[in-house]
N, C-alpha and C. Protein backbone atom coordinates (compact mmCIF):
# COMPACT_ATOMS: atom_id res chain seq x y z
N UNK A 1 74.74 18.50 -13.69
CA UNK A 1 73.30 18.64 -14.33
C UNK A 1 73.07 18.30 -16.16
N UNK A 2 72.57 17.45 -16.22
CA UNK A 2 72.75 17.19 -18.03
C UNK A 2 71.21 17.90 -18.07
N UNK A 3 71.87 18.39 -19.89
CA UNK A 3 70.18 19.21 -20.53
C UNK A 3 69.40 18.33 -19.98
N UNK A 4 68.76 17.02 -20.16
CA UNK A 4 67.62 16.92 -20.03
C UNK A 4 67.24 16.59 -18.09
N UNK A 5 67.62 17.05 -18.03
CA UNK A 5 67.78 17.09 -16.33
C UNK A 5 66.90 18.77 -15.99
N UNK A 6 67.67 20.04 -16.96
CA UNK A 6 67.70 21.63 -16.79
C UNK A 6 66.06 20.87 -17.66
N UNK A 7 65.59 20.32 -18.31
CA UNK A 7 64.85 20.63 -19.10
C UNK A 7 63.72 19.95 -18.42
N UNK A 8 64.27 19.10 -18.09
CA UNK A 8 62.89 18.14 -17.09
C UNK A 8 61.97 19.27 -15.92
N UNK A 9 63.36 19.79 -15.17
CA UNK A 9 63.47 21.12 -14.22
C UNK A 9 62.20 22.34 -14.67
N UNK A 10 62.80 22.91 -16.10
CA UNK A 10 61.44 24.00 -16.79
C UNK A 10 60.21 23.45 -16.68
N UNK A 11 60.12 21.68 -16.98
CA UNK A 11 58.76 21.60 -17.94
C UNK A 11 57.97 21.13 -16.49
N UNK A 12 58.40 20.76 -15.21
CA UNK A 12 58.07 20.25 -13.50
C UNK A 12 57.76 21.69 -13.49
N UNK A 13 58.17 23.01 -13.99
CA UNK A 13 58.25 24.03 -13.26
C UNK A 13 56.60 24.97 -14.11
N UNK A 14 56.95 24.50 -15.28
CA UNK A 14 55.82 25.22 -15.81
C UNK A 14 54.13 24.41 -15.98
N UNK A 15 53.97 23.21 -15.38
CA UNK A 15 52.96 22.44 -14.92
C UNK A 15 53.04 22.49 -14.38
N UNK A 16 53.63 23.00 -13.21
CA UNK A 16 53.17 23.86 -11.98
C UNK A 16 52.48 25.29 -11.44
N UNK A 17 53.11 26.20 -12.74
CA UNK A 17 52.34 27.40 -12.75
C UNK A 17 51.69 27.48 -13.11
N UNK A 18 51.11 26.31 -14.20
CA UNK A 18 49.78 25.89 -15.32
C UNK A 18 48.54 25.65 -14.32
N UNK A 19 49.85 24.69 -13.29
CA UNK A 19 47.85 24.50 -11.96
C UNK A 19 47.98 25.73 -11.70
N UNK A 20 48.74 26.24 -10.93
CA UNK A 20 48.28 27.36 -10.38
C UNK A 20 47.42 28.29 -10.54
N UNK A 21 47.95 28.89 -11.87
CA UNK A 21 46.98 29.39 -12.76
C UNK A 21 45.35 29.56 -13.30
N UNK A 22 45.29 27.65 -13.19
CA UNK A 22 43.80 26.86 -13.33
C UNK A 22 43.22 27.26 -12.28
N UNK A 23 44.21 27.34 -11.13
CA UNK A 23 43.65 27.21 -9.76
C UNK A 23 43.26 28.88 -9.87
N UNK A 24 43.88 28.98 -9.67
CA UNK A 24 43.21 30.65 -9.34
C UNK A 24 42.09 31.89 -10.56
N UNK A 25 42.88 30.52 -11.81
CA UNK A 25 41.49 31.56 -12.86
C UNK A 25 40.23 31.06 -12.03
N UNK A 26 39.94 29.99 -12.07
CA UNK A 26 38.62 29.26 -11.37
C UNK A 26 38.08 30.15 -10.08
N UNK A 27 39.48 29.92 -9.24
CA UNK A 27 38.46 30.96 -8.12
C UNK A 27 37.98 32.68 -8.60
N UNK A 28 38.88 33.07 -8.97
CA UNK A 28 38.23 33.80 -9.36
C UNK A 28 36.95 34.21 -10.49
N UNK A 29 36.74 33.07 -10.45
CA UNK A 29 35.54 32.75 -11.65
C UNK A 29 34.58 32.95 -10.58
N UNK A 30 35.12 32.05 -9.70
CA UNK A 30 33.73 31.55 -8.79
C UNK A 30 33.20 32.40 -7.61
N UNK A 31 34.20 33.51 -7.03
CA UNK A 31 34.52 34.41 -6.27
C UNK A 31 32.94 35.15 -5.95
N UNK A 32 33.00 36.13 -7.25
CA UNK A 32 31.21 36.33 -6.63
C UNK A 32 29.82 35.73 -6.67
N UNK A 33 30.33 34.31 -7.28
CA UNK A 33 28.61 33.57 -6.36
C UNK A 33 29.07 32.52 -5.07
N UNK A 34 30.52 32.91 -4.86
CA UNK A 34 31.21 32.67 -3.29
C UNK A 34 30.41 33.90 -2.51
N UNK A 35 30.15 34.88 -2.88
CA UNK A 35 30.20 35.53 -1.80
C UNK A 35 28.80 36.45 -1.56
N UNK A 36 28.07 36.13 -3.11
CA UNK A 36 26.45 35.61 -3.37
C UNK A 36 26.19 34.55 -1.88
N UNK A 37 26.35 33.71 -1.81
CA UNK A 37 25.99 32.37 -1.59
C UNK A 37 26.22 33.04 0.21
N UNK A 38 26.96 33.36 0.71
CA UNK A 38 28.14 33.89 1.76
C UNK A 38 26.70 34.59 2.77
N UNK A 39 26.35 35.36 1.68
CA UNK A 39 25.54 36.95 2.00
C UNK A 39 23.91 36.33 2.47
N UNK A 40 23.72 35.52 1.34
CA UNK A 40 22.49 34.77 1.36
C UNK A 40 22.38 33.75 2.40
N UNK A 41 23.58 33.45 3.27
CA UNK A 41 23.66 32.32 4.04
C UNK A 41 23.15 33.21 5.48
N UNK A 42 24.16 34.15 5.31
CA UNK A 42 24.34 35.74 6.54
C UNK A 42 23.13 36.68 6.62
N UNK A 43 22.04 36.79 6.10
CA UNK A 43 21.17 37.75 5.95
C UNK A 43 20.03 36.17 6.63
N UNK A 44 19.81 34.59 5.68
CA UNK A 44 19.19 34.49 6.60
C UNK A 44 19.53 33.71 8.21
N UNK A 45 20.83 33.62 8.31
CA UNK A 45 20.63 33.41 10.03
C UNK A 45 20.74 34.87 10.62
N UNK A 46 20.92 36.13 9.77
CA UNK A 46 20.38 37.58 10.93
C UNK A 46 19.16 37.39 11.05
N UNK A 47 18.64 37.16 10.05
CA UNK A 47 16.97 37.65 10.10
C UNK A 47 15.61 36.33 11.31
N UNK A 48 16.95 34.98 10.87
CA UNK A 48 16.20 34.30 11.63
C UNK A 48 16.40 33.92 12.99
N UNK A 49 17.26 34.23 13.60
CA UNK A 49 17.57 33.81 14.77
C UNK A 49 16.81 34.80 16.28
N UNK A 50 17.14 34.16 17.14
CA UNK A 50 16.31 34.91 18.17
C UNK A 50 16.75 34.99 19.43
N UNK A 51 16.87 36.73 19.17
CA UNK A 51 17.62 37.41 20.35
C UNK A 51 16.55 38.10 21.28
N UNK A 52 16.54 37.24 22.63
CA UNK A 52 16.41 38.39 24.11
C UNK A 52 17.17 38.51 24.50
N UNK A 53 16.77 39.81 24.13
CA UNK A 53 18.50 41.03 25.34
C UNK A 53 17.55 40.61 26.72
N UNK A 54 16.33 40.56 26.96
CA UNK A 54 15.78 40.12 28.66
C UNK A 54 16.17 39.24 29.59
N UNK A 55 16.15 38.62 28.63
CA UNK A 55 16.07 36.71 29.27
C UNK A 55 17.88 36.61 29.34
N UNK A 56 19.12 37.89 28.69
CA UNK A 56 20.40 37.17 29.27
C UNK A 56 20.85 37.73 30.20
N UNK A 57 21.63 36.70 30.34
CA UNK A 57 21.94 36.76 32.10
C UNK A 57 23.16 38.16 31.94
N UNK A 58 22.91 38.54 32.85
CA UNK A 58 23.50 39.87 33.50
C UNK A 58 24.66 39.35 34.61
N UNK A 59 25.69 40.12 34.65
CA UNK A 59 27.60 39.33 35.11
C UNK A 59 27.09 40.89 35.97
N UNK A 60 26.99 42.00 35.57
CA UNK A 60 26.81 42.85 36.59
C UNK A 60 26.23 42.88 37.98
N UNK A 61 25.20 42.56 38.30
CA UNK A 61 24.70 42.71 39.63
C UNK A 61 25.33 41.34 40.33
N UNK A 62 25.64 40.92 39.39
CA UNK A 62 26.07 38.49 40.38
C UNK A 62 24.48 37.70 40.18
N UNK A 63 23.83 38.74 40.20
CA UNK A 63 22.95 36.92 40.05
C UNK A 63 21.83 37.15 38.03
N UNK A 64 22.48 35.49 38.17
CA UNK A 64 22.43 35.13 36.95
C UNK A 64 20.90 34.45 36.74
N UNK A 65 20.35 34.20 35.42
CA UNK A 65 18.88 33.13 35.68
C UNK A 65 19.61 32.38 35.03
N UNK A 66 18.62 30.80 35.34
CA UNK A 66 18.74 30.27 34.47
C UNK A 66 17.46 29.84 33.26
N UNK A 67 17.34 29.21 32.15
CA UNK A 67 15.98 28.66 31.58
C UNK A 67 14.73 28.72 32.18
N UNK A 68 14.04 28.88 33.24
CA UNK A 68 13.83 28.69 33.84
C UNK A 68 13.07 29.67 34.14
N UNK A 69 14.27 31.17 34.28
CA UNK A 69 13.83 32.81 35.14
C UNK A 69 13.83 32.41 36.54
N UNK A 70 14.58 31.40 36.69
CA UNK A 70 15.03 31.07 38.63
C UNK A 70 16.17 31.99 39.30
N UNK A 71 16.34 32.63 39.90
CA UNK A 71 17.26 33.37 39.84
C UNK A 71 18.74 32.06 40.99
N UNK A 72 20.35 32.49 39.34
CA UNK A 72 21.34 31.41 40.81
C UNK A 72 21.92 32.55 40.84
N UNK A 73 22.50 32.03 41.77
CA UNK A 73 24.48 32.05 42.12
C UNK A 73 25.28 31.91 41.52
N UNK A 74 26.51 32.48 41.44
CA UNK A 74 27.52 31.76 40.47
C UNK A 74 27.97 31.02 42.24
N UNK A 75 28.47 29.95 41.56
CA UNK A 75 28.90 29.22 43.00
C UNK A 75 30.69 28.92 43.29
N UNK A 76 31.10 30.46 42.10
CA UNK A 76 33.25 30.75 43.21
C UNK A 76 32.74 31.38 44.19
N UNK A 77 33.56 30.90 45.16
CA UNK A 77 33.73 31.43 46.42
C UNK A 77 34.28 32.63 46.40
N UNK A 78 34.73 33.63 47.58
CA UNK A 78 35.11 34.74 47.66
C UNK A 78 36.66 34.11 48.01
N UNK A 79 37.63 34.76 47.64
CA UNK A 79 39.23 34.57 47.91
C UNK A 79 39.17 34.71 49.20
N UNK A 80 39.67 34.14 50.38
CA UNK A 80 40.42 34.94 51.34
C UNK A 80 41.57 34.29 51.76
N UNK A 81 42.02 35.34 52.91
CA UNK A 81 43.76 35.75 52.71
C UNK A 81 44.47 35.81 51.99
N UNK A 82 44.16 36.55 51.29
CA UNK A 82 45.16 36.85 49.47
C UNK A 82 45.56 37.92 49.65
N UNK A 83 46.98 37.66 49.18
CA UNK A 83 47.78 39.11 49.26
C UNK A 83 48.49 39.38 47.85
N UNK A 84 48.60 40.25 47.97
CA UNK A 84 48.99 40.63 46.43
C UNK A 84 50.30 41.36 46.44
N UNK A 85 50.82 41.76 45.85
CA UNK A 85 52.09 42.75 45.60
C UNK A 85 52.81 43.30 43.95
N UNK A 86 53.24 44.07 44.77
CA UNK A 86 53.32 45.31 43.75
C UNK A 86 54.23 44.86 42.28
N UNK A 87 53.79 45.02 40.92
CA UNK A 87 54.94 44.51 39.92
C UNK A 87 55.84 45.59 39.77
N UNK A 88 55.84 46.74 40.64
CA UNK A 88 57.05 47.40 40.36
C UNK A 88 58.72 46.79 41.01
N UNK A 89 58.44 46.11 42.04
CA UNK A 89 59.54 46.18 43.30
C UNK A 89 59.55 44.80 42.47
């Protein structure tokens, strides 16, 4: 490799390092603003969403309610003639 090839590689690496430094410098300068915007968006979402815990479906008893409040049973059929094997054997 010639002298000018080595100089070109060193200059190319220097340009890449300068660009990376500038990118991270800008990122760290904008980090407080990004965090504040994220917290504001989270607070708006947290206080404006409508959580009705009473209207959520409960899978513990197998009965679900649709948006009209009617009781709906799951459409899955129970398994028939199923045999299981022990894993350790």
